[in-house]
Amino acid sequence: MKNNNIFILHNFNLRYKNDINNRKTMPKLKVRKAAKKRYKLIAGKRFIRRKAFKGHLLEKKSPKQKKNLAKLVVVSKADTKAIRKMLIC
């Protein structure tokens, strides 16, 4: 009798688990946090970003180079589609 009860509980758990997995709800859309921190949307359709190579090893770079690296840049059209997909917008 004890084994029969375990079998019934086991079947119930499997059935319940399958019901949860087969729901018809939409999945949650999550933003890529790394992309959110790096890109900013401007004018509703373009993104801006910081330039690379400004994080460290700055002693050997000239002041002119460091000044130019500090500026913001508009992301190219080729990369915009991928960024938009990461940010779900």
C-alpha atoms as a PDB file:
ATOM      1  CA  MET A   1       0.000   0.000   0.000  1.00  0.00           C
ATOM      2  CA  LYS A   2       2.829   2.366   0.795  1.00  0.00           C
ATOM      3  CA  ASN A   3       4.376   2.009  -2.678  1.00  0.00           C
ATOM      4  CA  ASN A   4       1.044   2.715  -4.354  1.00  0.00           C
ATOM      5  CA  ASN A   5       0.712   6.068  -2.519  1.00  0.00           C
ATOM      6  CA  ILE A   6       4.183   7.117  -3.636  1.00  0.00           C
ATOM      7  CA  PHE A   7       3.307   6.262  -7.240  1.00  0.00           C
ATOM      8  CA  ILE A   8       0.148   8.420  -7.102  1.00  0.00           C
ATOM      9  CA  LEU A   9       2.026  11.370  -5.598  1.00  0.00           C
ATOM     10  CA  HIS A  10       4.765  11.008  -8.192  1.00  0.00           C
ATOM     11  CA  ASN A  11       2.241  11.096 -11.051  1.00  0.00           C
ATOM     12  CA  PHE A  12       0.516  14.124  -9.541  1.00  0.00           C
ATOM     13  CA  ASN A  13       3.828  16.010  -9.310  1.00  0.00           C
ATOM     14  CA  LEU A  14       4.657  15.213 -12.940  1.00  0.00           C
ATOM     15  CA  ARG A  15       1.232  16.327 -14.103  1.00  0.00           C
ATOM     16  CA  TYR A  16       1.449  19.567 -12.099  1.00  0.00           C
ATOM     17  CA  LYS A  17       4.955  20.283 -13.423  1.00  0.00           C
ATOM     18  CA  ASN A  18       3.818  19.786 -17.030  1.00  0.00           C
ATOM     19  CA  ASP A  19       0.866  22.147 -16.519  1.00  0.00           C
ATOM     20  CA  ILE A  20       3.227  24.898 -15.357  1.00  0.00           C
ATOM     21  CA  ASN A  21       5.530  24.411 -18.352  1.00  0.00           C
ATOM     22  CA  ASN A  22       2.678  24.421 -20.902  1.00  0.00           C
ATOM     23  CA  ARG A  23       1.079  27.730 -19.932  1.00  0.00           C
ATOM     24  CA  LYS A  24       0.205  30.066 -22.784  1.00  0.00           C
ATOM     25  CA  THR A  25       1.613  33.226 -21.183  1.00  0.00           C
ATOM     26  CA  MET A  26       4.166  35.428 -22.875  1.00  0.00           C
ATOM     27  CA  PRO A  27       7.727  35.137 -21.575  1.00  0.00           C
ATOM     28  CA  LYS A  28       9.223  38.088 -19.771  1.00  0.00           C
ATOM     29  CA  LEU A  29      11.416  40.292 -21.943  1.00  0.00           C
ATOM     30  CA  LYS A  30      14.565  41.226 -20.105  1.00  0.00           C
ATOM     31  CA  VAL A  31      17.005  43.990 -20.987  1.00  0.00           C
ATOM     32  CA  ARG A  32      20.697  43.185 -21.305  1.00  0.00           C
ATOM     33  CA  LYS A  33      22.111  45.102 -18.346  1.00  0.00           C
ATOM     34  CA  ALA A  34      25.573  45.447 -19.903  1.00  0.00           C
ATOM     35  CA  ALA A  35      24.111  47.158 -22.972  1.00  0.00           C
ATOM     36  CA  LYS A  36      21.892  49.372 -20.837  1.00  0.00           C
ATOM     37  CA  LYS A  37      24.954  50.691 -19.007  1.00  0.00           C
ATOM     38  CA  ARG A  38      26.954  51.350 -22.188  1.00  0.00           C
ATOM     39  CA  TYR A  39      24.472  52.892 -24.634  1.00  0.00           C
ATOM     40  CA  LYS A  40      22.026  55.781 -24.463  1.00  0.00           C
ATOM     41  CA  LEU A  41      19.173  56.401 -26.910  1.00  0.00           C
ATOM     42  CA  ILE A  42      19.066  59.863 -28.494  1.00  0.00           C
ATOM     43  CA  ALA A  43      16.398  61.321 -30.779  1.00  0.00           C
ATOM     44  CA  GLY A  44      14.408  58.090 -30.509  1.00  0.00           C
ATOM     45  CA  LYS A  45      16.448  56.188 -33.097  1.00  0.00           C
ATOM     46  CA  ARG A  46      20.207  56.618 -32.579  1.00  0.00           C
ATOM     47  CA  PHE A  47      22.544  55.526 -29.798  1.00  0.00           C
ATOM     48  CA  ILE A  48      25.609  57.163 -28.288  1.00  0.00           C
ATOM     49  CA  ARG A  49      28.499  55.433 -26.556  1.00  0.00           C
ATOM     50  CA  ARG A  50      31.886  56.177 -24.993  1.00  0.00           C
ATOM     51  CA  LYS A  51      35.092  55.540 -26.896  1.00  0.00           C
ATOM     52  CA  ALA A  52      37.353  52.654 -25.955  1.00  0.00           C
ATOM     53  CA  PHE A  53      40.959  52.790 -24.621  1.00  0.00           C
ATOM     54  CA  LYS A  54      40.292  55.447 -21.944  1.00  0.00           C
ATOM     55  CA  GLY A  55      40.196  53.103 -18.931  1.00  0.00           C
ATOM     56  CA  HIS A  56      43.874  52.614 -18.070  1.00  0.00           C
ATOM     57  CA  LEU A  57      47.466  52.971 -19.361  1.00  0.00           C
ATOM     58  CA  LEU A  58      46.926  56.704 -19.775  1.00  0.00           C
ATOM     59  CA  GLU A  59      50.493  57.838 -18.960  1.00  0.00           C
ATOM     60  CA  LYS A  60      51.795  57.030 -22.416  1.00  0.00           C
ATOM     61  CA  LYS A  61      48.879  58.667 -24.241  1.00  0.00           C
ATOM     62  CA  SER A  62      49.144  62.296 -25.221  1.00  0.00           C
ATOM     63  CA  PRO A  63      46.729  64.886 -23.776  1.00  0.00           C
ATOM     64  CA  LYS A  64      45.245  65.359 -27.248  1.00  0.00           C
ATOM     65  CA  GLN A  65      44.553  61.646 -27.604  1.00  0.00           C
ATOM     66  CA  LYS A  66      42.995  61.457 -24.118  1.00  0.00           C
ATOM     67  CA  LYS A  67      40.794  64.472 -24.870  1.00  0.00           C
ATOM     68  CA  ASN A  68      39.534  62.864 -28.079  1.00  0.00           C
ATOM     69  CA  LEU A  69      38.892  59.549 -26.312  1.00  0.00           C
ATOM     70  CA  ALA A  70      36.752  61.314 -23.705  1.00  0.00           C
ATOM     71  CA  LYS A  71      34.168  62.375 -26.315  1.00  0.00           C
ATOM     72  CA  LEU A  72      30.942  60.528 -27.025  1.00  0.00           C
ATOM     73  CA  VAL A  73      30.343  58.888 -30.403  1.00  0.00           C
ATOM     74  CA  VAL A  74      27.184  58.002 -32.327  1.00  0.00           C
ATOM     75  CA  VAL A  75      26.942  54.251 -32.901  1.00  0.00           C
ATOM     76  CA  SER A  76      27.137  53.116 -36.534  1.00  0.00           C
ATOM     77  CA  LYS A  77      23.978  52.038 -38.366  1.00  0.00           C
ATOM     78  CA  ALA A  78      25.317  48.480 -38.664  1.00  0.00           C
ATOM     79  CA  ASP A  79      25.436  48.088 -34.869  1.00  0.00           C
ATOM     80  CA  THR A  80      22.205  49.950 -34.088  1.00  0.00           C
ATOM     81  CA  LYS A  81      19.929  47.000 -34.898  1.00  0.00           C
ATOM     82  CA  ALA A  82      21.819  44.657 -32.528  1.00  0.00           C
ATOM     83  CA  ILE A  83      21.810  47.229 -29.711  1.00  0.00           C
ATOM     84  CA  ARG A  84      18.096  47.896 -30.183  1.00  0.00           C
ATOM     85  CA  LYS A  85      17.474  44.150 -29.879  1.00  0.00           C
ATOM     86  CA  MET A  86      19.513  43.946 -26.653  1.00  0.00           C
ATOM     87  CA  LEU A  87      17.597  46.865 -25.145  1.00  0.00           C
ATOM     88  CA  ILE A  88      14.185  45.696 -26.452  1.00  0.00           C
ATOM     89  CA  CYS A  89      13.076  49.059 -27.786  1.00  0.00           C
END
